[in-house]
Structures are given as C-alpha cells and as structure tokens.
Amino acid sequence: LAIDWMLFLGVELGGTTRYDSTFIQTTAMAGIQRFLGGRFYVYAGLGPSWVTESGSDYSDSVGPGLGGTIGVGIEALRLPNAAIGIEVSSTLGVFAHERWDTGGLNLTFVGY
C-alpha cells in the first residue's frame, strides 16, 4: 500500500473451557496493518467467523457470522522472509442470535 502499511490475510483461533465444554472461535480475515517505529504495529481486519462448542457427549456450531479483530504487536524476531511476533488482540464475532468476543496474547508467524 505505502511505506509502513500492508494488507494481510490471516486466521485467528481463540478458545476457552467452561465446565465440561470447550468453545473455539475461528475468524478468517483480511485486513490492514501499520508499522510504528520499525517493529511495533497495529492492525484491524474483517472476515467470516464461526464458534464451535464441544463437550463430553455433544457438539454444536454457530456461524458463519461477521468477525472483526484489532490488535497491537511487535515483531520479536525478524528473518529475511519471515517474522515471529507477540501481540495482544480482541476479536468480536456477530451472529444471527448472539455475539462472541475473545481476547488474548498471541504468538504469530508471518511469511513474506
């Protein structure tokens, strides 16, 4: 796009366990990322999102819906064609009858 700006494609998985159920939100996204001072960056993306719930004797799924994510991070290790980063993000999935949000500390791998 321009110096310090880039388009990205990504997949984010966020999960949690409550009682005997596991919930996983998956969002496939396209977005924009802006580098600030070299290795620090901020980003936002949109795309389809799904939530699955599984337990000891059942499974359920919600979606697709619309997911949006925002985050900040740092590329901790930069190689000629790849980078490993650490970021904090928040994702909101909006579905026909409910909303799901996740947030977390992420380890990222980026290929150039």
C-alpha atoms as a PDB file:
ATOM      1  CA  LEU A   1       0.000   0.000   0.000  1.00  0.00           C
ATOM      2  CA  ALA A   2       2.592   2.542   1.194  1.00  0.00           C
ATOM      3  CA  ILE A   3       5.671   2.704   3.376  1.00  0.00           C
ATOM      4  CA  ASP A   4       4.912   1.012   6.733  1.00  0.00           C
ATOM      5  CA  TRP A   5       1.427  -0.127   5.577  1.00  0.00           C
ATOM      6  CA  MET A   6       0.462  -3.612   4.403  1.00  0.00           C
ATOM      7  CA  LEU A   7      -2.541  -5.782   3.600  1.00  0.00           C
ATOM      8  CA  PHE A   8      -2.758  -9.155   5.314  1.00  0.00           C
ATOM      9  CA  LEU A   9      -4.716 -12.398   5.244  1.00  0.00           C
ATOM     10  CA  GLY A  10      -4.960 -14.329   8.495  1.00  0.00           C
ATOM     11  CA  VAL A  11      -6.773 -16.884  10.606  1.00  0.00           C
ATOM     12  CA  GLU A  12      -7.298 -16.415  14.315  1.00  0.00           C
ATOM     13  CA  LEU A  13      -8.346 -19.158  16.732  1.00  0.00           C
ATOM     14  CA  GLY A  14      -9.407 -18.345  20.277  1.00  0.00           C
ATOM     15  CA  GLY A  15     -10.695 -20.843  22.788  1.00  0.00           C
ATOM     16  CA  THR A  16     -11.745 -21.388  26.356  1.00  0.00           C
ATOM     17  CA  THR A  17     -13.090 -24.161  28.566  1.00  0.00           C
ATOM     18  CA  ARG A  18     -16.067 -23.802  30.897  1.00  0.00           C
ATOM     19  CA  TYR A  19     -17.227 -26.739  32.999  1.00  0.00           C
ATOM     20  CA  ASP A  20     -17.110 -29.721  30.604  1.00  0.00           C
ATOM     21  CA  SER A  21     -17.418 -27.669  27.372  1.00  0.00           C
ATOM     22  CA  THR A  22     -14.766 -26.231  25.073  1.00  0.00           C
ATOM     23  CA  PHE A  23     -15.584 -23.156  22.974  1.00  0.00           C
ATOM     24  CA  ILE A  24     -13.454 -22.207  19.944  1.00  0.00           C
ATOM     25  CA  GLN A  25     -13.951 -19.086  17.826  1.00  0.00           C
ATOM     26  CA  THR A  26     -12.343 -19.116  14.371  1.00  0.00           C
ATOM     27  CA  THR A  27     -12.115 -15.969  12.252  1.00  0.00           C
ATOM     28  CA  ALA A  28     -10.641 -15.827   8.745  1.00  0.00           C
ATOM     29  CA  MET A  29      -9.781 -12.235   7.953  1.00  0.00           C
ATOM     30  CA  ALA A  30      -8.392  -9.718   5.522  1.00  0.00           C
ATOM     31  CA  GLY A  31      -7.086  -6.515   6.991  1.00  0.00           C
ATOM     32  CA  ILE A  32      -4.642  -3.676   7.125  1.00  0.00           C
ATOM     33  CA  GLN A  33      -1.543  -3.322   9.294  1.00  0.00           C
ATOM     34  CA  ARG A  34       0.536  -0.232  10.101  1.00  0.00           C
ATOM     35  CA  PHE A  35       4.088  -0.386  11.441  1.00  0.00           C
ATOM     36  CA  LEU A  36       5.094   2.220  14.011  1.00  0.00           C
ATOM     37  CA  GLY A  37       8.800   2.719  14.543  1.00  0.00           C
ATOM     38  CA  GLY A  38      10.052  -0.382  12.764  1.00  0.00           C
ATOM     39  CA  ARG A  39       8.933  -3.467  14.692  1.00  0.00           C
ATOM     40  CA  PHE A  40       5.789  -2.260  16.520  1.00  0.00           C
ATOM     41  CA  TYR A  41       2.461  -2.482  14.673  1.00  0.00           C
ATOM     42  CA  VAL A  42      -1.298  -2.061  14.942  1.00  0.00           C
ATOM     43  CA  TYR A  43      -3.851  -3.853  12.790  1.00  0.00           C
ATOM     44  CA  ALA A  44      -7.544  -4.392  12.091  1.00  0.00           C
ATOM     45  CA  GLY A  45      -9.333  -6.972   9.962  1.00  0.00           C
ATOM     46  CA  LEU A  46     -12.761  -8.322   8.994  1.00  0.00           C
ATOM     47  CA  GLY A  47     -13.996 -11.687   7.771  1.00  0.00           C
ATOM     48  CA  PRO A  48     -16.246 -14.684   8.362  1.00  0.00           C
ATOM     49  CA  SER A  49     -16.338 -16.158  11.849  1.00  0.00           C
ATOM     50  CA  TRP A  50     -17.566 -19.408  13.443  1.00  0.00           C
ATOM     51  CA  VAL A  51     -17.917 -20.658  17.008  1.00  0.00           C
ATOM     52  CA  THR A  52     -17.903 -24.347  17.912  1.00  0.00           C
ATOM     53  CA  GLU A  53     -18.794 -25.856  21.272  1.00  0.00           C
ATOM     54  CA  SER A  54     -17.890 -29.395  22.202  1.00  0.00           C
ATOM     55  CA  GLY A  55     -18.418 -31.376  25.357  1.00  0.00           C
ATOM     56  CA  SER A  56     -18.201 -34.922  26.553  1.00  0.00           C
ATOM     57  CA  ASP A  57     -21.312 -36.062  24.655  1.00  0.00           C
ATOM     58  CA  TYR A  58     -22.276 -33.284  22.201  1.00  0.00           C
ATOM     59  CA  SER A  59     -21.073 -30.738  19.661  1.00  0.00           C
ATOM     60  CA  ASP A  60     -22.636 -27.529  18.299  1.00  0.00           C
ATOM     61  CA  SER A  61     -21.631 -24.805  15.875  1.00  0.00           C
ATOM     62  CA  VAL A  62     -22.724 -21.187  15.273  1.00  0.00           C
ATOM     63  CA  GLY A  63     -21.973 -19.334  12.086  1.00  0.00           C
ATOM     64  CA  PRO A  64     -20.948 -18.135   9.771  1.00  0.00           C
ATOM     65  CA  GLY A  65     -21.139 -14.619  11.110  1.00  0.00           C
ATOM     66  CA  LEU A  66     -19.055 -11.494  10.715  1.00  0.00           C
ATOM     67  CA  GLY A  67     -15.853 -11.229  12.735  1.00  0.00           C
ATOM     68  CA  GLY A  68     -13.756  -8.154  13.368  1.00  0.00           C
ATOM     69  CA  THR A  69     -10.391  -8.017  15.081  1.00  0.00           C
ATOM     70  CA  ILE A  70      -8.000  -5.328  16.320  1.00  0.00           C
ATOM     71  CA  GLY A  71      -4.564  -5.741  17.820  1.00  0.00           C
ATOM     72  CA  VAL A  72      -1.138  -4.375  18.647  1.00  0.00           C
ATOM     73  CA  GLY A  73       2.121  -6.277  18.483  1.00  0.00           C
ATOM     74  CA  ILE A  74       5.853  -6.420  17.996  1.00  0.00           C
ATOM     75  CA  GLU A  75       7.963  -8.484  15.623  1.00  0.00           C
ATOM     76  CA  ALA A  76      10.318 -10.058  18.159  1.00  0.00           C
ATOM     77  CA  LEU A  77      12.429 -11.967  15.618  1.00  0.00           C
ATOM     78  CA  ARG A  78      12.851 -10.874  12.002  1.00  0.00           C
ATOM     79  CA  LEU A  79      14.336 -13.150   9.341  1.00  0.00           C
ATOM     80  CA  PRO A  80      14.805 -12.404   5.600  1.00  0.00           C
ATOM     81  CA  ASN A  81      11.442 -13.944   4.614  1.00  0.00           C
ATOM     82  CA  ALA A  82       9.605 -14.398   7.915  1.00  0.00           C
ATOM     83  CA  ALA A  83       8.967 -12.923  11.352  1.00  0.00           C
ATOM     84  CA  ILE A  84       7.851 -14.204  14.745  1.00  0.00           C
ATOM     85  CA  GLY A  85       5.839 -11.771  16.795  1.00  0.00           C
ATOM     86  CA  ILE A  86       3.925 -11.299  20.016  1.00  0.00           C
ATOM     87  CA  GLU A  87       0.636  -9.440  20.022  1.00  0.00           C
ATOM     88  CA  VAL A  88      -2.452  -8.605  22.053  1.00  0.00           C
ATOM     89  CA  SER A  89      -5.742  -8.785  20.186  1.00  0.00           C
ATOM     90  CA  SER A  90      -9.503  -8.658  20.604  1.00  0.00           C
ATOM     91  CA  THR A  91     -11.994 -10.278  18.215  1.00  0.00           C
ATOM     92  CA  LEU A  92     -15.758  -9.850  18.079  1.00  0.00           C
ATOM     93  CA  GLY A  93     -17.956 -12.313  16.166  1.00  0.00           C
ATOM     94  CA  VAL A  94     -21.525 -11.201  15.419  1.00  0.00           C
ATOM     95  CA  PHE A  95     -24.015 -13.952  14.583  1.00  0.00           C
ATOM     96  CA  ALA A  96     -27.766 -14.070  13.926  1.00  0.00           C
ATOM     97  CA  HIS A  97     -28.753 -14.541  17.588  1.00  0.00           C
ATOM     98  CA  GLU A  98     -25.617 -13.889  19.630  1.00  0.00           C
ATOM     99  CA  ARG A  99     -22.192 -12.278  19.864  1.00  0.00           C
ATOM    100  CA  TRP A 100     -18.894 -13.810  20.925  1.00  0.00           C
ATOM    101  CA  ASP A 101     -15.755 -11.958  21.844  1.00  0.00           C
ATOM    102  CA  THR A 102     -12.268 -13.225  22.561  1.00  0.00           C
ATOM    103  CA  GLY A 103      -9.072 -11.541  23.573  1.00  0.00           C
ATOM    104  CA  GLY A 104      -5.625 -12.796  24.191  1.00  0.00           C
ATOM    105  CA  LEU A 105      -1.904 -12.812  23.956  1.00  0.00           C
ATOM    106  CA  ASN A 106      -0.844 -14.343  20.630  1.00  0.00           C
ATOM    107  CA  LEU A 107       2.342 -15.805  19.207  1.00  0.00           C
ATOM    108  CA  THR A 108       2.408 -15.058  15.470  1.00  0.00           C
ATOM    109  CA  PHE A 109       4.309 -16.330  12.457  1.00  0.00           C
ATOM    110  CA  VAL A 110       4.397 -14.212   9.291  1.00  0.00           C
ATOM    111  CA  GLY A 111       5.852 -15.200   5.931  1.00  0.00           C
ATOM    112  CA  TYR A 112       6.844 -12.562   3.363  1.00  0.00           C
END
